[in-house]
Amino acid sequence: MVTREVDCVAFCRALGDETRQEILQLLQKKGELRVNDIVAAFKRSSQPTISHHLKILKHEGLVTRRRVGKEILYALDEDNVEECCGMLWSKFVPAKTLAVIPKSPRKARA
């Protein structure tokens, strides 16, 4: 796995939009979804608008995408979201506090 440096400003900018937050929450709840399923969940937004938001989320590593035939499926990249949040958190929390924060249970099972 190639690790890239997290750009905290770009990460925050990606999360700074309500629609992008809602897309991430939808993917967290439902799992992998087709673009059309994501668009259907947002009655106030068009397909091009949702695709634009997905492109930003993909660029920042917050979602993954894969093609199955003609369909494109998106999923929340939980590991990257967790890593980005952790790196952002570490910028504002003293190191001694970080040492007492328990690891997530998901990581412990891996």
N, C-alpha and C. Protein backbone atom coordinates (compact mmCIF):
# COMPACT_ATOMS: atom_id res chain seq x y z
N MET A 1 0.84 -1.18 0.00
CA MET A 1 0.00 0.00 0.00
C MET A 1 0.88 1.25 0.00
N VAL A 2 0.58 2.17 -0.88
CA VAL A 2 1.33 3.41 -0.98
C VAL A 2 0.67 4.44 -0.07
N THR A 3 1.44 5.01 0.83
CA THR A 3 0.92 6.03 1.73
C THR A 3 1.25 7.39 1.15
N ARG A 4 0.26 8.25 1.10
CA ARG A 4 0.50 9.60 0.62
C ARG A 4 0.28 10.56 1.77
N GLU A 5 0.98 11.66 1.71
CA GLU A 5 0.85 12.67 2.75
C GLU A 5 -0.55 13.28 2.69
N VAL A 6 -1.20 13.36 3.82
CA VAL A 6 -2.53 13.93 3.88
C VAL A 6 -2.43 15.45 3.88
N ASP A 7 -3.14 16.07 2.98
CA ASP A 7 -3.24 17.52 2.92
C ASP A 7 -4.45 17.90 3.77
N CYS A 8 -4.19 18.34 4.99
CA CYS A 8 -5.28 18.62 5.93
C CYS A 8 -6.23 19.70 5.43
N VAL A 9 -5.71 20.68 4.72
CA VAL A 9 -6.56 21.75 4.20
C VAL A 9 -7.51 21.18 3.14
N ALA A 10 -6.98 20.38 2.22
CA ALA A 10 -7.82 19.77 1.18
C ALA A 10 -8.83 18.80 1.79
N PHE A 11 -8.39 18.05 2.81
CA PHE A 11 -9.28 17.13 3.51
C PHE A 11 -10.45 17.89 4.13
N CYS A 12 -10.14 18.98 4.83
CA CYS A 12 -11.18 19.79 5.46
C CYS A 12 -12.08 20.45 4.42
N ARG A 13 -11.48 20.87 3.32
CA ARG A 13 -12.27 21.47 2.24
C ARG A 13 -13.25 20.44 1.67
N ALA A 14 -12.79 19.21 1.51
CA ALA A 14 -13.66 18.14 0.99
C ALA A 14 -14.81 17.88 1.96
N LEU A 15 -14.53 17.94 3.24
CA LEU A 15 -15.57 17.69 4.25
C LEU A 15 -16.40 18.94 4.55
N GLY A 16 -15.98 20.07 4.01
CA GLY A 16 -16.65 21.33 4.30
C GLY A 16 -17.95 21.55 3.55
N ASP A 17 -18.33 20.60 2.73
CA ASP A 17 -19.55 20.72 1.96
C ASP A 17 -20.59 19.75 2.51
N GLU A 18 -21.79 20.24 2.76
CA GLU A 18 -22.85 19.43 3.35
C GLU A 18 -23.22 18.23 2.48
N THR A 19 -23.29 18.42 1.17
CA THR A 19 -23.64 17.32 0.28
C THR A 19 -22.57 16.23 0.33
N ARG A 20 -21.30 16.61 0.36
CA ARG A 20 -20.23 15.60 0.44
C ARG A 20 -20.30 14.85 1.77
N GLN A 21 -20.61 15.55 2.84
CA GLN A 21 -20.77 14.87 4.12
C GLN A 21 -21.92 13.87 4.06
N GLU A 22 -23.01 14.26 3.43
CA GLU A 22 -24.17 13.38 3.30
C GLU A 22 -23.85 12.17 2.42
N ILE A 23 -23.06 12.36 1.37
CA ILE A 23 -22.65 11.24 0.53
C ILE A 23 -21.82 10.25 1.36
N LEU A 24 -20.88 10.76 2.14
CA LEU A 24 -20.06 9.88 2.98
C LEU A 24 -20.91 9.14 4.00
N GLN A 25 -21.88 9.82 4.60
CA GLN A 25 -22.77 9.17 5.57
C GLN A 25 -23.61 8.09 4.89
N LEU A 26 -24.08 8.37 3.69
CA LEU A 26 -24.87 7.38 2.93
C LEU A 26 -24.03 6.15 2.64
N LEU A 27 -22.81 6.35 2.18
CA LEU A 27 -21.93 5.22 1.88
C LEU A 27 -21.55 4.46 3.15
N GLN A 28 -21.43 5.16 4.25
CA GLN A 28 -21.12 4.49 5.53
C GLN A 28 -22.28 3.59 5.94
N LYS A 29 -23.51 4.06 5.75
CA LYS A 29 -24.69 3.29 6.16
C LYS A 29 -25.02 2.16 5.19
N LYS A 30 -24.94 2.45 3.89
CA LYS A 30 -25.41 1.50 2.87
C LYS A 30 -24.32 0.64 2.27
N GLY A 31 -23.06 1.05 2.41
CA GLY A 31 -21.98 0.31 1.76
C GLY A 31 -21.81 0.78 0.32
N GLU A 32 -21.28 -0.08 -0.51
CA GLU A 32 -20.99 0.27 -1.90
C GLU A 32 -22.29 0.54 -2.66
N LEU A 33 -22.30 1.67 -3.41
CA LEU A 33 -23.49 2.05 -4.17
C LEU A 33 -23.13 2.48 -5.58
N ARG A 34 -24.09 2.24 -6.49
CA ARG A 34 -23.96 2.74 -7.85
C ARG A 34 -24.18 4.25 -7.85
N VAL A 35 -23.61 4.93 -8.81
CA VAL A 35 -23.79 6.38 -8.92
C VAL A 35 -25.27 6.72 -8.96
N ASN A 36 -26.05 5.96 -9.73
CA ASN A 36 -27.48 6.24 -9.85
C ASN A 36 -28.19 6.12 -8.50
N ASP A 37 -27.76 5.20 -7.66
CA ASP A 37 -28.36 5.05 -6.33
C ASP A 37 -28.03 6.26 -5.45
N ILE A 38 -26.82 6.77 -5.58
CA ILE A 38 -26.42 7.95 -4.81
C ILE A 38 -27.22 9.16 -5.29
N VAL A 39 -27.33 9.32 -6.61
CA VAL A 39 -28.10 10.43 -7.18
C VAL A 39 -29.55 10.37 -6.71
N ALA A 40 -30.13 9.18 -6.69
CA ALA A 40 -31.53 9.01 -6.29
C ALA A 40 -31.76 9.45 -4.84
N ALA A 41 -30.74 9.33 -4.01
CA ALA A 41 -30.86 9.72 -2.60
C ALA A 41 -30.83 11.24 -2.41
N PHE A 42 -30.44 11.97 -3.47
CA PHE A 42 -30.33 13.43 -3.39
C PHE A 42 -31.27 14.07 -4.40
N LYS A 43 -32.50 14.23 -4.00
CA LYS A 43 -33.51 14.76 -4.90
C LYS A 43 -33.22 16.20 -5.33
N ARG A 44 -32.46 16.94 -4.51
CA ARG A 44 -32.20 18.36 -4.82
C ARG A 44 -30.97 18.56 -5.71
N SER A 45 -30.24 17.47 -6.02
CA SER A 45 -29.00 17.59 -6.80
C SER A 45 -29.07 16.74 -8.07
N SER A 46 -28.48 17.26 -9.12
CA SER A 46 -28.46 16.54 -10.39
C SER A 46 -27.31 15.53 -10.43
N GLN A 47 -27.34 14.66 -11.41
CA GLN A 47 -26.28 13.65 -11.58
C GLN A 47 -24.93 14.31 -11.79
N PRO A 48 -24.81 15.35 -12.63
CA PRO A 48 -23.50 15.99 -12.78
C PRO A 48 -22.97 16.59 -11.47
N THR A 49 -23.87 17.13 -10.65
CA THR A 49 -23.45 17.72 -9.38
C THR A 49 -22.93 16.63 -8.44
N ILE A 50 -23.65 15.52 -8.33
CA ILE A 50 -23.22 14.42 -7.47
C ILE A 50 -21.91 13.84 -7.99
N SER A 51 -21.77 13.71 -9.30
CA SER A 51 -20.51 13.20 -9.87
C SER A 51 -19.35 14.13 -9.54
N HIS A 52 -19.59 15.42 -9.55
CA HIS A 52 -18.55 16.40 -9.18
C HIS A 52 -18.13 16.19 -7.72
N HIS A 53 -19.10 16.04 -6.84
CA HIS A 53 -18.79 15.80 -5.42
C HIS A 53 -18.02 14.48 -5.25
N LEU A 54 -18.43 13.45 -5.95
CA LEU A 54 -17.74 12.15 -5.87
C LEU A 54 -16.30 12.26 -6.37
N LYS A 55 -16.09 13.05 -7.41
CA LYS A 55 -14.74 13.26 -7.93
C LYS A 55 -13.85 13.89 -6.86
N ILE A 56 -14.36 14.87 -6.16
CA ILE A 56 -13.59 15.53 -5.09
C ILE A 56 -13.29 14.54 -3.97
N LEU A 57 -14.29 13.77 -3.56
CA LEU A 57 -14.09 12.78 -2.50
C LEU A 57 -13.10 11.71 -2.92
N LYS A 58 -13.15 11.31 -4.17
CA LYS A 58 -12.20 10.32 -4.69
C LYS A 58 -10.79 10.90 -4.71
N HIS A 59 -10.64 12.14 -5.16
CA HIS A 59 -9.34 12.79 -5.23
C HIS A 59 -8.68 12.87 -3.86
N GLU A 60 -9.47 13.09 -2.83
CA GLU A 60 -8.94 13.19 -1.47
C GLU A 60 -8.83 11.83 -0.78
N GLY A 61 -9.18 10.77 -1.50
CA GLY A 61 -9.03 9.42 -0.95
C GLY A 61 -10.09 9.03 0.06
N LEU A 62 -11.22 9.71 0.06
CA LEU A 62 -12.27 9.42 1.02
C LEU A 62 -13.24 8.37 0.53
N VAL A 63 -13.28 8.15 -0.78
CA VAL A 63 -14.09 7.08 -1.36
C VAL A 63 -13.25 6.30 -2.37
N THR A 64 -13.67 5.07 -2.59
CA THR A 64 -13.07 4.26 -3.65
C THR A 64 -14.09 4.13 -4.76
N ARG A 65 -13.59 3.78 -5.93
CA ARG A 65 -14.51 3.61 -7.05
C ARG A 65 -14.04 2.42 -7.87
N ARG A 66 -15.02 1.67 -8.38
CA ARG A 66 -14.68 0.57 -9.27
C ARG A 66 -15.78 0.43 -10.33
N ARG A 67 -15.35 -0.05 -11.47
CA ARG A 67 -16.28 -0.21 -12.59
C ARG A 67 -16.69 -1.67 -12.68
N VAL A 68 -17.99 -1.88 -12.81
CA VAL A 68 -18.54 -3.21 -13.06
C VAL A 68 -19.41 -3.07 -14.29
N GLY A 69 -18.89 -3.54 -15.43
CA GLY A 69 -19.60 -3.34 -16.69
C GLY A 69 -19.70 -1.85 -16.98
N LYS A 70 -20.92 -1.37 -17.16
CA LYS A 70 -21.13 0.06 -17.43
C LYS A 70 -21.35 0.86 -16.15
N GLU A 71 -21.51 0.18 -15.03
CA GLU A 71 -21.78 0.85 -13.76
C GLU A 71 -20.50 1.24 -13.04
N ILE A 72 -20.54 2.35 -12.34
CA ILE A 72 -19.44 2.76 -11.46
C ILE A 72 -19.98 2.69 -10.03
N LEU A 73 -19.25 1.97 -9.19
CA LEU A 73 -19.65 1.79 -7.80
C LEU A 73 -18.69 2.56 -6.89
N TYR A 74 -19.26 3.23 -5.91
CA TYR A 74 -18.47 3.99 -4.94
C TYR A 74 -18.67 3.41 -3.55
N ALA A 75 -17.60 3.48 -2.75
CA ALA A 75 -17.66 3.03 -1.37
C ALA A 75 -16.81 3.97 -0.51
N LEU A 76 -17.17 4.06 0.74
CA LEU A 76 -16.39 4.84 1.69
C LEU A 76 -15.06 4.14 1.91
N ASP A 77 -13.98 4.87 1.83
CA ASP A 77 -12.65 4.30 2.14
C ASP A 77 -12.41 4.54 3.63
N GLU A 78 -12.92 3.64 4.45
CA GLU A 78 -12.90 3.81 5.91
C GLU A 78 -11.48 3.99 6.45
N ASP A 79 -10.54 3.23 5.92
CA ASP A 79 -9.17 3.34 6.41
C ASP A 79 -8.60 4.73 6.16
N ASN A 80 -8.81 5.26 4.96
CA ASN A 80 -8.30 6.61 4.65
C ASN A 80 -9.01 7.69 5.45
N VAL A 81 -10.32 7.55 5.63
CA VAL A 81 -11.06 8.53 6.42
C VAL A 81 -10.52 8.53 7.84
N GLU A 82 -10.34 7.34 8.40
CA GLU A 82 -9.81 7.22 9.76
C GLU A 82 -8.40 7.82 9.85
N GLU A 83 -7.56 7.51 8.86
CA GLU A 83 -6.19 8.03 8.86
C GLU A 83 -6.17 9.56 8.74
N CYS A 84 -6.98 10.09 7.83
CA CYS A 84 -7.04 11.54 7.65
C CYS A 84 -7.53 12.23 8.92
N CYS A 85 -8.57 11.68 9.54
CA CYS A 85 -9.07 12.28 10.78
C CYS A 85 -8.01 12.21 11.87
N GLY A 86 -7.31 11.10 11.94
CA GLY A 86 -6.25 10.95 12.94
C GLY A 86 -5.11 11.93 12.73
N MET A 87 -4.72 12.12 11.48
CA MET A 87 -3.63 13.06 11.20
C MET A 87 -4.06 14.49 11.50
N LEU A 88 -5.29 14.82 11.18
CA LEU A 88 -5.80 16.15 11.49
C LEU A 88 -5.88 16.34 13.00
N TRP A 89 -6.39 15.33 13.69
CA TRP A 89 -6.50 15.38 15.15
C TRP A 89 -5.13 15.57 15.79
N SER A 90 -4.13 14.88 15.27
CA SER A 90 -2.79 14.95 15.87
C SER A 90 -2.16 16.34 15.74
N LYS A 91 -2.65 17.14 14.80
CA LYS A 91 -2.13 18.51 14.65
C LYS A 91 -2.58 19.42 15.80
N PHE A 92 -3.68 19.02 16.47
CA PHE A 92 -4.26 19.89 17.49
C PHE A 92 -4.26 19.31 18.90
N VAL A 93 -3.87 18.04 19.03
CA VAL A 93 -3.88 17.39 20.34
C VAL A 93 -2.44 17.10 20.75
N PRO A 94 -2.09 17.41 21.97
CA PRO A 94 -0.72 17.12 22.42
C PRO A 94 -0.39 15.63 22.31
N ALA A 95 0.86 15.33 22.01
CA ALA A 95 1.29 13.93 21.81
C ALA A 95 1.00 13.07 23.02
N LYS A 96 1.15 13.58 24.23
CA LYS A 96 0.91 12.76 25.42
C LYS A 96 -0.55 12.33 25.51
N THR A 97 -1.48 13.14 24.99
CA THR A 97 -2.89 12.77 24.98
C THR A 97 -3.14 11.66 23.97
N LEU A 98 -2.46 11.72 22.82
CA LEU A 98 -2.64 10.69 21.79
C LEU A 98 -2.22 9.32 22.28
N ALA A 99 -1.26 9.26 23.17
CA ALA A 99 -0.76 7.97 23.66
C ALA A 99 -1.82 7.21 24.45
N VAL A 100 -2.81 7.90 25.01
CA VAL A 100 -3.82 7.23 25.81
C VAL A 100 -5.11 6.97 25.04
N ILE A 101 -5.20 7.42 23.80
CA ILE A 101 -6.39 7.17 22.99
C ILE A 101 -6.31 5.74 22.48
N PRO A 102 -7.33 4.90 22.79
CA PRO A 102 -7.29 3.50 22.36
C PRO A 102 -7.42 3.37 20.85
N LYS A 103 -6.84 2.32 20.30
CA LYS A 103 -6.97 2.01 18.87
C LYS A 103 -8.41 1.62 18.61
N SER A 104 -8.87 1.82 17.37
CA SER A 104 -10.23 1.44 17.03
C SER A 104 -10.35 -0.08 17.07
N PRO A 105 -11.52 -0.60 17.46
CA PRO A 105 -11.70 -2.05 17.54
C PRO A 105 -11.51 -2.73 16.18
N ARG A 106 -11.86 -2.02 15.12
CA ARG A 106 -11.72 -2.60 13.77
C ARG A 106 -10.27 -2.90 13.47
N LYS A 107 -9.37 -2.00 13.83
CA LYS A 107 -7.94 -2.20 13.61
C LYS A 107 -7.40 -3.35 14.45
N ALA A 108 -7.93 -3.51 15.66
CA ALA A 108 -7.44 -4.55 16.55
C ALA A 108 -7.76 -5.93 16.01
N ARG A 109 -8.87 -6.05 15.27
CA ARG A 109 -9.27 -7.35 14.72
C ARG A 109 -8.44 -7.74 13.51
N ALA A 110 -7.88 -6.77 12.80
CA ALA A 110 -7.16 -7.03 11.55
C ALA A 110 -5.91 -7.79 11.77
